[in-house]
Amino acid sequence: AINHAQALVKQTGNLPVPLHIRNAPTKLMKNLDYGKGYQYAHSFENNFSAQEYLPDTIAGSTFYEPGKNAREEELRKYLKAMWKDKYGY
C-alpha cells in the first residue's frame, strides 16, 4: 500500500487538499468553505462514512488490498460490505 501511495504522489505531484477536509479555525477559512460538507465518520452508523478524502484527480484510488490469509480475508469481506456502493463490489 505504501509503495503504491508513494508512486502516485510522485506521478501526480502536490495536489490540493479537498476543501471539505481542511480545518477552518478562522472566519476567513469558514467563508472560503473550508470544512463545509465534512462527514465525521463517528456520527454515522458503524462509524463509517463513504465520503471521498482524496483530491479529485485521484479520487477513487485504492492503496490497500488485504492479503491471502484467514484474518485478512475477514477484513476483505468487511471492506467490500462497507464500500460496495462506492466501488461496486
PDB file of N, CA and C in Angstrom:
ATOM      1  N   ALA A   1       0.827  -1.194   0.000  1.00  0.00           N
ATOM      2  CA  ALA A   1       0.000   0.000   0.000  1.00  0.00           C
ATOM      3  C   ALA A   1       0.868   1.254   0.000  1.00  0.00           C
ATOM      4  N   ILE A   2       1.888   1.273   0.843  1.00  0.00           N
ATOM      5  CA  ILE A   2       2.718   2.480   0.935  1.00  0.00           C
ATOM      6  C   ILE A   2       3.465   2.724  -0.367  1.00  0.00           C
ATOM      7  N   ASN A   3       3.936   1.673  -1.006  1.00  0.00           N
ATOM      8  CA  ASN A   3       4.645   1.841  -2.279  1.00  0.00           C
ATOM      9  C   ASN A   3       3.723   2.418  -3.355  1.00  0.00           C
ATOM     10  N   HIS A   4       2.492   1.931  -3.394  1.00  0.00           N
ATOM     11  CA  HIS A   4       1.527   2.450  -4.364  1.00  0.00           C
ATOM     12  C   HIS A   4       1.216   3.913  -4.075  1.00  0.00           C
ATOM     13  N   ALA A   5       1.029   4.262  -2.816  1.00  0.00           N
ATOM     14  CA  ALA A   5       0.739   5.647  -2.442  1.00  0.00           C
ATOM     15  C   ALA A   5       1.905   6.563  -2.812  1.00  0.00           C
ATOM     16  N   GLN A   6       3.124   6.140  -2.513  1.00  0.00           N
ATOM     17  CA  GLN A   6       4.296   6.952  -2.837  1.00  0.00           C
ATOM     18  C   GLN A   6       4.450   7.124  -4.347  1.00  0.00           C
ATOM     19  N   ALA A   7       4.209   6.070  -5.100  1.00  0.00           N
ATOM     20  CA  ALA A   7       4.305   6.154  -6.561  1.00  0.00           C
ATOM     21  C   ALA A   7       3.268   7.131  -7.117  1.00  0.00           C
ATOM     22  N   LEU A   8       2.065   7.114  -6.559  1.00  0.00           N
ATOM     23  CA  LEU A   8       1.018   8.022  -7.019  1.00  0.00           C
ATOM     24  C   LEU A   8       1.384   9.469  -6.715  1.00  0.00           C
ATOM     25  N   VAL A   9       1.973   9.714  -5.553  1.00  0.00           N
ATOM     26  CA  VAL A   9       2.416  11.067  -5.203  1.00  0.00           C
ATOM     27  C   VAL A   9       3.499  11.532  -6.173  1.00  0.00           C
ATOM     28  N   LYS A  10       4.439  10.667  -6.487  1.00  0.00           N
ATOM     29  CA  LYS A  10       5.493  11.028  -7.448  1.00  0.00           C
ATOM     30  C   LYS A  10       4.898  11.333  -8.821  1.00  0.00           C
ATOM     31  N   GLN A  11       3.876  10.599  -9.192  1.00  0.00           N
ATOM     32  CA  GLN A  11       3.248  10.765 -10.502  1.00  0.00           C
ATOM     33  C   GLN A  11       2.397  12.028 -10.571  1.00  0.00           C
ATOM     34  N   THR A  12       1.642  12.321  -9.524  1.00  0.00           N
ATOM     35  CA  THR A  12       0.669  13.416  -9.562  1.00  0.00           C
ATOM     36  C   THR A  12       1.178  14.705  -8.940  1.00  0.00           C
ATOM     37  N   GLY A  13       2.211  14.618  -8.133  1.00  0.00           N
ATOM     38  CA  GLY A  13       2.745  15.821  -7.504  1.00  0.00           C
ATOM     39  C   GLY A  13       1.947  16.252  -6.292  1.00  0.00           C
ATOM     40  N   ASN A  14       2.082  17.501  -5.972  1.00  0.00           N
ATOM     41  CA  ASN A  14       1.474  18.083  -4.781  1.00  0.00           C
ATOM     42  C   ASN A  14       0.059  18.553  -5.113  1.00  0.00           C
ATOM     43  N   LEU A  15      -0.927  17.729  -4.837  1.00  0.00           N
ATOM     44  CA  LEU A  15      -2.319  18.058  -5.143  1.00  0.00           C
ATOM     45  C   LEU A  15      -2.961  18.809  -3.979  1.00  0.00           C
ATOM     46  N   PRO A  16      -3.925  19.683  -4.267  1.00  0.00           N
ATOM     47  CA  PRO A  16      -4.583  20.429  -3.190  1.00  0.00           C
ATOM     48  C   PRO A  16      -5.454  19.521  -2.317  1.00  0.00           C
ATOM     49  N   VAL A  17      -5.470  19.813  -1.043  1.00  0.00           N
ATOM     50  CA  VAL A  17      -6.323  19.095  -0.091  1.00  0.00           C
ATOM     51  C   VAL A  17      -7.772  19.510  -0.360  1.00  0.00           C
ATOM     52  N   PRO A  18      -8.687  18.563  -0.478  1.00  0.00           N
ATOM     53  CA  PRO A  18     -10.091  18.922  -0.701  1.00  0.00           C
ATOM     54  C   PRO A  18     -10.602  19.874   0.384  1.00  0.00           C
ATOM     55  N   LEU A  19     -11.401  20.843  -0.018  1.00  0.00           N
ATOM     56  CA  LEU A  19     -11.894  21.851   0.924  1.00  0.00           C
ATOM     57  C   LEU A  19     -12.634  21.240   2.107  1.00  0.00           C
ATOM     58  N   HIS A  20     -13.417  20.198   1.869  1.00  0.00           N
ATOM     59  CA  HIS A  20     -14.256  19.662   2.943  1.00  0.00           C
ATOM     60  C   HIS A  20     -13.457  19.003   4.068  1.00  0.00           C
ATOM     61  N   ILE A  21     -12.172  18.702   3.856  1.00  0.00           N
ATOM     62  CA  ILE A  21     -11.390  18.126   4.960  1.00  0.00           C
ATOM     63  C   ILE A  21     -10.355  19.109   5.508  1.00  0.00           C
ATOM     64  N   ARG A  22     -10.399  20.341   5.047  1.00  0.00           N
ATOM     65  CA  ARG A  22      -9.496  21.366   5.586  1.00  0.00           C
ATOM     66  C   ARG A  22     -10.061  21.914   6.888  1.00  0.00           C
ATOM     67  N   ASN A  23      -9.183  22.153   7.824  1.00  0.00           N
ATOM     68  CA  ASN A  23      -9.562  22.748   9.101  1.00  0.00           C
ATOM     69  C   ASN A  23      -9.960  24.206   8.871  1.00  0.00           C
ATOM     70  N   ALA A  24     -10.941  24.680   9.615  1.00  0.00           N
ATOM     71  CA  ALA A  24     -11.416  26.054   9.465  1.00  0.00           C
ATOM     72  C   ALA A  24     -11.398  26.786  10.801  1.00  0.00           C
ATOM     73  N   PRO A  25     -10.205  27.098  11.336  1.00  0.00           N
ATOM     74  CA  PRO A  25     -10.141  27.754  12.640  1.00  0.00           C
ATOM     75  C   PRO A  25     -10.429  29.256  12.598  1.00  0.00           C
ATOM     76  N   THR A  26     -10.500  29.855  11.412  1.00  0.00           N
ATOM     77  CA  THR A  26     -10.750  31.293  11.327  1.00  0.00           C
ATOM     78  C   THR A  26     -12.026  31.566  10.532  1.00  0.00           C
ATOM     79  N   LYS A  27     -12.557  32.763  10.708  1.00  0.00           N
ATOM     80  CA  LYS A  27     -13.762  33.160   9.979  1.00  0.00           C
ATOM     81  C   LYS A  27     -13.488  33.184   8.472  1.00  0.00           C
ATOM     82  N   LEU A  28     -12.314  33.663   8.080  1.00  0.00           N
ATOM     83  CA  LEU A  28     -11.958  33.694   6.665  1.00  0.00           C
ATOM     84  C   LEU A  28     -12.001  32.292   6.060  1.00  0.00           C
ATOM     85  N   MET A  29     -11.423  31.334   6.760  1.00  0.00           N
ATOM     86  CA  MET A  29     -11.406  29.960   6.250  1.00  0.00           C
ATOM     87  C   MET A  29     -12.818  29.393   6.151  1.00  0.00           C
ATOM     88  N   LYS A  30     -13.654  29.710   7.114  1.00  0.00           N
ATOM     89  CA  LYS A  30     -15.053  29.266   7.052  1.00  0.00           C
ATOM     90  C   LYS A  30     -15.761  29.906   5.859  1.00  0.00           C
ATOM     91  N   ASN A  31     -15.476  31.194   5.616  1.00  0.00           N
ATOM     92  CA  ASN A  31     -16.071  31.887   4.468  1.00  0.00           C
ATOM     93  C   ASN A  31     -15.587  31.311   3.139  1.00  0.00           C
ATOM     94  N   LEU A  32     -14.403  30.717   3.148  1.00  0.00           N
ATOM     95  CA  LEU A  32     -13.855  30.082   1.948  1.00  0.00           C
ATOM     96  C   LEU A  32     -14.310  28.624   1.819  1.00  0.00           C
ATOM     97  N   ASP A  33     -15.247  28.228   2.684  1.00  0.00           N
ATOM     98  CA  ASP A  33     -15.851  26.884   2.690  1.00  0.00           C
ATOM     99  C   ASP A  33     -14.923  25.772   3.158  1.00  0.00           C
ATOM    100  N   TYR A  34     -13.878  26.112   3.888  1.00  0.00           N
ATOM    101  CA  TYR A  34     -13.044  25.069   4.474  1.00  0.00           C
ATOM    102  C   TYR A  34     -13.919  24.259   5.431  1.00  0.00           C
ATOM    103  N   GLY A  35     -13.858  22.970   5.342  1.00  0.00           N
ATOM    104  CA  GLY A  35     -14.609  22.085   6.236  1.00  0.00           C
ATOM    105  C   GLY A  35     -16.076  21.912   5.882  1.00  0.00           C
ATOM    106  N   LYS A  36     -16.582  22.646   4.897  1.00  0.00           N
ATOM    107  CA  LYS A  36     -18.002  22.569   4.538  1.00  0.00           C
ATOM    108  C   LYS A  36     -18.322  21.203   3.938  1.00  0.00           C
ATOM    109  N   GLY A  37     -19.313  20.534   4.491  1.00  0.00           N
ATOM    110  CA  GLY A  37     -19.746  19.234   3.995  1.00  0.00           C
ATOM    111  C   GLY A  37     -18.970  18.057   4.553  1.00  0.00           C
ATOM    112  N   TYR A  38     -18.044  18.330   5.483  1.00  0.00           N
ATOM    113  CA  TYR A  38     -17.267  17.236   6.066  1.00  0.00           C
ATOM    114  C   TYR A  38     -18.189  16.283   6.818  1.00  0.00           C
ATOM    115  N   GLN A  39     -17.980  14.993   6.630  1.00  0.00           N
ATOM    116  CA  GLN A  39     -18.774  13.977   7.324  1.00  0.00           C
ATOM    117  C   GLN A  39     -17.895  13.287   8.361  1.00  0.00           C
ATOM    118  N   TYR A  40     -18.180  13.530   9.616  1.00  0.00           N
ATOM    119  CA  TYR A  40     -17.442  12.906  10.711  1.00  0.00           C
ATOM    120  C   TYR A  40     -17.910  11.456  10.827  1.00  0.00           C
ATOM    121  N   ALA A  41     -17.011  10.532  10.547  1.00  0.00           N
ATOM    122  CA  ALA A  41     -17.370   9.110  10.470  1.00  0.00           C
ATOM    123  C   ALA A  41     -18.088   8.605  11.716  1.00  0.00           C
ATOM    124  N   HIS A  42     -17.694   9.084  12.884  1.00  0.00           N
ATOM    125  CA  HIS A  42     -18.287   8.586  14.123  1.00  0.00           C
ATOM    126  C   HIS A  42     -19.725   9.067  14.332  1.00  0.00           C
ATOM    127  N   SER A  43     -20.191   9.939  13.471  1.00  0.00           N
ATOM    128  CA  SER A  43     -21.589  10.371  13.524  1.00  0.00           C
ATOM    129  C   SER A  43     -22.497   9.475  12.678  1.00  0.00           C
ATOM    130  N   PHE A  44     -21.918   8.475  12.035  1.00  0.00           N
ATOM    131  CA  PHE A  44     -22.665   7.601  11.137  1.00  0.00           C
ATOM    132  C   PHE A  44     -22.693   6.171  11.668  1.00  0.00           C
ATOM    133  N   GLU A  45     -23.645   5.408  11.144  1.00  0.00           N
ATOM    134  CA  GLU A  45     -23.771   4.002  11.524  1.00  0.00           C
ATOM    135  C   GLU A  45     -22.450   3.271  11.274  1.00  0.00           C
ATOM    136  N   ASN A  46     -22.077   2.438  12.210  1.00  0.00           N
ATOM    137  CA  ASN A  46     -20.825   1.672  12.157  1.00  0.00           C
ATOM    138  C   ASN A  46     -19.581   2.561  12.105  1.00  0.00           C
ATOM    139  N   ASN A  47     -19.735   3.832  12.498  1.00  0.00           N
ATOM    140  CA  ASN A  47     -18.614   4.787  12.479  1.00  0.00           C
ATOM    141  C   ASN A  47     -17.963   4.842  11.105  1.00  0.00           C
ATOM    142  N   PHE A  48     -18.782   4.876  10.069  1.00  0.00           N
ATOM    143  CA  PHE A  48     -18.279   4.798   8.702  1.00  0.00           C
ATOM    144  C   PHE A  48     -18.973   5.811   7.804  1.00  0.00           C
ATOM    145  N   SER A  49     -18.187   6.548   7.052  1.00  0.00           N
ATOM    146  CA  SER A  49     -18.700   7.443   6.021  1.00  0.00           C
ATOM    147  C   SER A  49     -17.987   7.106   4.715  1.00  0.00           C
ATOM    148  N   ALA A  50     -18.716   7.042   3.638  1.00  0.00           N
ATOM    149  CA  ALA A  50     -18.121   6.742   2.332  1.00  0.00           C
ATOM    150  C   ALA A  50     -17.625   8.004   1.627  1.00  0.00           C
ATOM    151  N   GLN A  51     -17.504   9.084   2.377  1.00  0.00           N
ATOM    152  CA  GLN A  51     -17.048  10.338   1.792  1.00  0.00           C
ATOM    153  C   GLN A  51     -15.637  10.188   1.209  1.00  0.00           C
ATOM    154  N   GLU A  52     -15.390  10.867   0.113  1.00  0.00           N
ATOM    155  CA  GLU A  52     -14.067  10.853  -0.528  1.00  0.00           C
ATOM    156  C   GLU A  52     -13.152  11.840   0.197  1.00  0.00           C
ATOM    157  N   TYR A  53     -11.944  11.420   0.475  1.00  0.00           N
ATOM    158  CA  TYR A  53     -10.982  12.281   1.157  1.00  0.00           C
ATOM    159  C   TYR A  53      -9.765  12.578   0.295  1.00  0.00           C
ATOM    160  N   LEU A  54      -9.717  12.020  -0.900  1.00  0.00           N
ATOM    161  CA  LEU A  54      -8.600  12.262  -1.812  1.00  0.00           C
ATOM    162  C   LEU A  54      -8.935  13.419  -2.752  1.00  0.00           C
ATOM    163  N   PRO A  55      -7.915  14.086  -3.281  1.00  0.00           N
ATOM    164  CA  PRO A  55      -8.163  15.130  -4.283  1.00  0.00           C
ATOM    165  C   PRO A  55      -8.901  14.558  -5.495  1.00  0.00           C
ATOM    166  N   ASP A  56      -9.649  15.407  -6.185  1.00  0.00           N
ATOM    167  CA  ASP A  56     -10.485  14.961  -7.310  1.00  0.00           C
ATOM    168  C   ASP A  56      -9.713  14.167  -8.355  1.00  0.00           C
ATOM    169  N   THR A  57      -8.489  14.574  -8.661  1.00  0.00           N
ATOM    170  CA  THR A  57      -7.738  13.915  -9.734  1.00  0.00           C
ATOM    171  C   THR A  57      -7.339  12.482  -9.407  1.00  0.00           C
ATOM    172  N   ILE A  58      -7.351  12.111  -8.141  1.00  0.00           N
ATOM    173  CA  ILE A  58      -7.023  10.727  -7.765  1.00  0.00           C
ATOM    174  C   ILE A  58      -8.149  10.074  -6.967  1.00  0.00           C
ATOM    175  N   ALA A  59      -9.310  10.713  -6.951  1.00  0.00           N
ATOM    176  CA  ALA A  59     -10.462  10.169  -6.223  1.00  0.00           C
ATOM    177  C   ALA A  59     -10.759   8.750  -6.696  1.00  0.00           C
ATOM    178  N   GLY A  60     -11.102   7.901  -5.764  1.00  0.00           N
ATOM    179  CA  GLY A  60     -11.428   6.517  -6.083  1.00  0.00           C
ATOM    180  C   GLY A  60     -10.228   5.591  -6.101  1.00  0.00           C
ATOM    181  N   SER A  61      -9.035   6.150  -5.919  1.00  0.00           N
ATOM    182  CA  SER A  61      -7.833   5.309  -5.880  1.00  0.00           C
ATOM    183  C   SER A  61      -7.869   4.416  -4.652  1.00  0.00           C
ATOM    184  N   THR A  62      -7.363   3.224  -4.799  1.00  0.00           N
ATOM    185  CA  THR A  62      -7.233   2.322  -3.658  1.00  0.00           C
ATOM    186  C   THR A  62      -5.761   1.992  -3.473  1.00  0.00           C
ATOM    187  N   PHE A  63      -5.372   1.798  -2.232  1.00  0.00           N
ATOM    188  CA  PHE A  63      -3.972   1.549  -1.919  1.00  0.00           C
ATOM    189  C   PHE A  63      -3.763   0.221  -1.199  1.00  0.00           C
ATOM    190  N   TYR A  64      -4.721  -0.171  -0.403  1.00  0.00           N
ATOM    191  CA  TYR A  64      -4.583  -1.390   0.398  1.00  0.00           C
ATOM    192  C   TYR A  64      -5.429  -2.502  -0.187  1.00  0.00           C
ATOM    193  N   GLU A  65      -4.837  -3.646  -0.326  1.00  0.00           N
ATOM    194  CA  GLU A  65      -5.552  -4.853  -0.748  1.00  0.00           C
ATOM    195  C   GLU A  65      -5.226  -5.937   0.279  1.00  0.00           C
ATOM    196  N   PRO A  66      -6.229  -6.444   1.002  1.00  0.00           N
ATOM    197  CA  PRO A  66      -5.958  -7.462   2.026  1.00  0.00           C
ATOM    198  C   PRO A  66      -5.218  -8.671   1.459  1.00  0.00           C
ATOM    199  N   GLY A  67      -4.361  -9.235   2.275  1.00  0.00           N
ATOM    200  CA  GLY A  67      -3.583 -10.410   1.883  1.00  0.00           C
ATOM    201  C   GLY A  67      -4.425 -11.674   1.848  1.00  0.00           C
ATOM    202  N   LYS A  68      -3.759 -12.773   1.570  1.00  0.00           N
ATOM    203  CA  LYS A  68      -4.460 -14.053   1.429  1.00  0.00           C
ATOM    204  C   LYS A  68      -4.216 -14.920   2.653  1.00  0.00           C
ATOM    205  N   ASN A  69      -4.823 -14.509   3.757  1.00  0.00           N
ATOM    206  CA  ASN A  69      -4.814 -15.317   4.968  1.00  0.00           C
ATOM    207  C   ASN A  69      -6.178 -15.141   5.627  1.00  0.00           C
ATOM    208  N   ALA A  70      -6.484 -15.994   6.571  1.00  0.00           N
ATOM    209  CA  ALA A  70      -7.836 -16.013   7.160  1.00  0.00           C
ATOM    210  C   ALA A  70      -8.229 -14.671   7.773  1.00  0.00           C
ATOM    211  N   ARG A  71      -7.331 -14.065   8.509  1.00  0.00           N
ATOM    212  CA  ARG A  71      -7.654 -12.799   9.183  1.00  0.00           C
ATOM    213  C   ARG A  71      -7.922 -11.679   8.170  1.00  0.00           C
ATOM    214  N   GLU A  72      -7.078 -11.592   7.164  1.00  0.00           N
ATOM    215  CA  GLU A  72      -7.269 -10.532   6.180  1.00  0.00           C
ATOM    216  C   GLU A  72      -8.430 -10.833   5.236  1.00  0.00           C
ATOM    217  N   GLU A  73      -8.791 -12.076   5.087  1.00  0.00           N
ATOM    218  CA  GLU A  73      -9.973 -12.415   4.290  1.00  0.00           C
ATOM    219  C   GLU A  73     -11.234 -11.881   4.972  1.00  0.00           C
ATOM    220  N   GLU A  74     -11.265 -11.940   6.298  1.00  0.00           N
ATOM    221  CA  GLU A  74     -12.388 -11.350   7.044  1.00  0.00           C
ATOM    222  C   GLU A  74     -12.420  -9.840   6.834  1.00  0.00           C
ATOM    223  N   LEU A  75     -11.253  -9.229   6.853  1.00  0.00           N
ATOM    224  CA  LEU A  75     -11.172  -7.789   6.612  1.00  0.00           C
ATOM    225  C   LEU A  75     -11.633  -7.460   5.190  1.00  0.00           C
ATOM    226  N   ARG A  76     -11.258  -8.273   4.227  1.00  0.00           N
ATOM    227  CA  ARG A  76     -11.686  -8.071   2.836  1.00  0.00           C
ATOM    228  C   ARG A  76     -13.218  -8.083   2.749  1.00  0.00           C
ATOM    229  N   LYS A  77     -13.863  -9.031   3.414  1.00  0.00           N
ATOM    230  CA  LYS A  77     -15.330  -9.118   3.406  1.00  0.00           C
ATOM    231  C   LYS A  77     -15.950  -7.863   4.014  1.00  0.00           C
ATOM    232  N   TYR A  78     -15.372  -7.409   5.123  1.00  0.00           N
ATOM    233  CA  TYR A  78     -15.873  -6.202   5.786  1.00  0.00           C
ATOM    234  C   TYR A  78     -15.734  -4.984   4.866  1.00  0.00           C
ATOM    235  N   LEU A  79     -14.558  -4.820   4.275  1.00  0.00           N
ATOM    236  CA  LEU A  79     -14.325  -3.676   3.393  1.00  0.00           C
ATOM    237  C   LEU A  79     -15.268  -3.700   2.195  1.00  0.00           C
ATOM    238  N   LYS A  80     -15.476  -4.856   1.629  1.00  0.00           N
ATOM    239  CA  LYS A  80     -16.393  -4.967   0.494  1.00  0.00           C
ATOM    240  C   LYS A  80     -17.817  -4.600   0.901  1.00  0.00           C
ATOM    241  N   ALA A  81     -18.228  -5.013   2.085  1.00  0.00           N
ATOM    242  CA  ALA A  81     -19.569  -4.679   2.564  1.00  0.00           C
ATOM    243  C   ALA A  81     -19.715  -3.173   2.783  1.00  0.00           C
ATOM    244  N   MET A  82     -18.690  -2.547   3.337  1.00  0.00           N
ATOM    245  CA  MET A  82     -18.757  -1.118   3.633  1.00  0.00           C
ATOM    246  C   MET A  82     -18.645  -0.265   2.365  1.00  0.00           C
ATOM    247  N   TRP A  83     -17.824  -0.674   1.428  1.00  0.00           N
ATOM    248  CA  TRP A  83     -17.528   0.133   0.247  1.00  0.00           C
ATOM    249  C   TRP A  83     -18.287  -0.303  -1.003  1.00  0.00           C
ATOM    250  N   LYS A  84     -19.284  -1.176  -0.872  1.00  0.00           N
ATOM    251  CA  LYS A  84     -19.952  -1.722  -2.061  1.00  0.00           C
ATOM    252  C   LYS A  84     -20.563  -0.639  -2.946  1.00  0.00           C
ATOM    253  N   ASP A  85     -21.140   0.387  -2.359  1.00  0.00           N
ATOM    254  CA  ASP A  85     -21.777   1.428  -3.163  1.00  0.00           C
ATOM    255  C   ASP A  85     -20.755   2.281  -3.909  1.00  0.00           C
ATOM    256  N   LYS A  86     -19.627   2.533  -3.275  1.00  0.00           N
ATOM    257  CA  LYS A  86     -18.621   3.407  -3.879  1.00  0.00           C
ATOM    258  C   LYS A  86     -17.797   2.702  -4.947  1.00  0.00           C
ATOM    259  N   TYR A  87     -17.390   1.473  -4.669  1.00  0.00           N
ATOM    260  CA  TYR A  87     -16.505   0.769  -5.581  1.00  0.00           C
ATOM    261  C   TYR A  87     -17.192  -0.355  -6.348  1.00  0.00           C
ATOM    262  N   GLY A  88     -18.478  -0.562  -6.113  1.00  0.00           N
ATOM    263  CA  GLY A  88     -19.239  -1.553  -6.859  1.00  0.00           C
ATOM    264  C   GLY A  88     -18.846  -2.992  -6.603  1.00  0.00           C
ATOM    265  N   TYR A  89     -18.463  -3.289  -5.373  1.00  0.00           N
ATOM    266  CA  TYR A  89     -18.090  -4.670  -5.037  1.00  0.00           C
ATOM    267  C   TYR A  89     -19.285  -5.588  -5.185  1.00  0.00           C
TER     268      TYR A  89
END
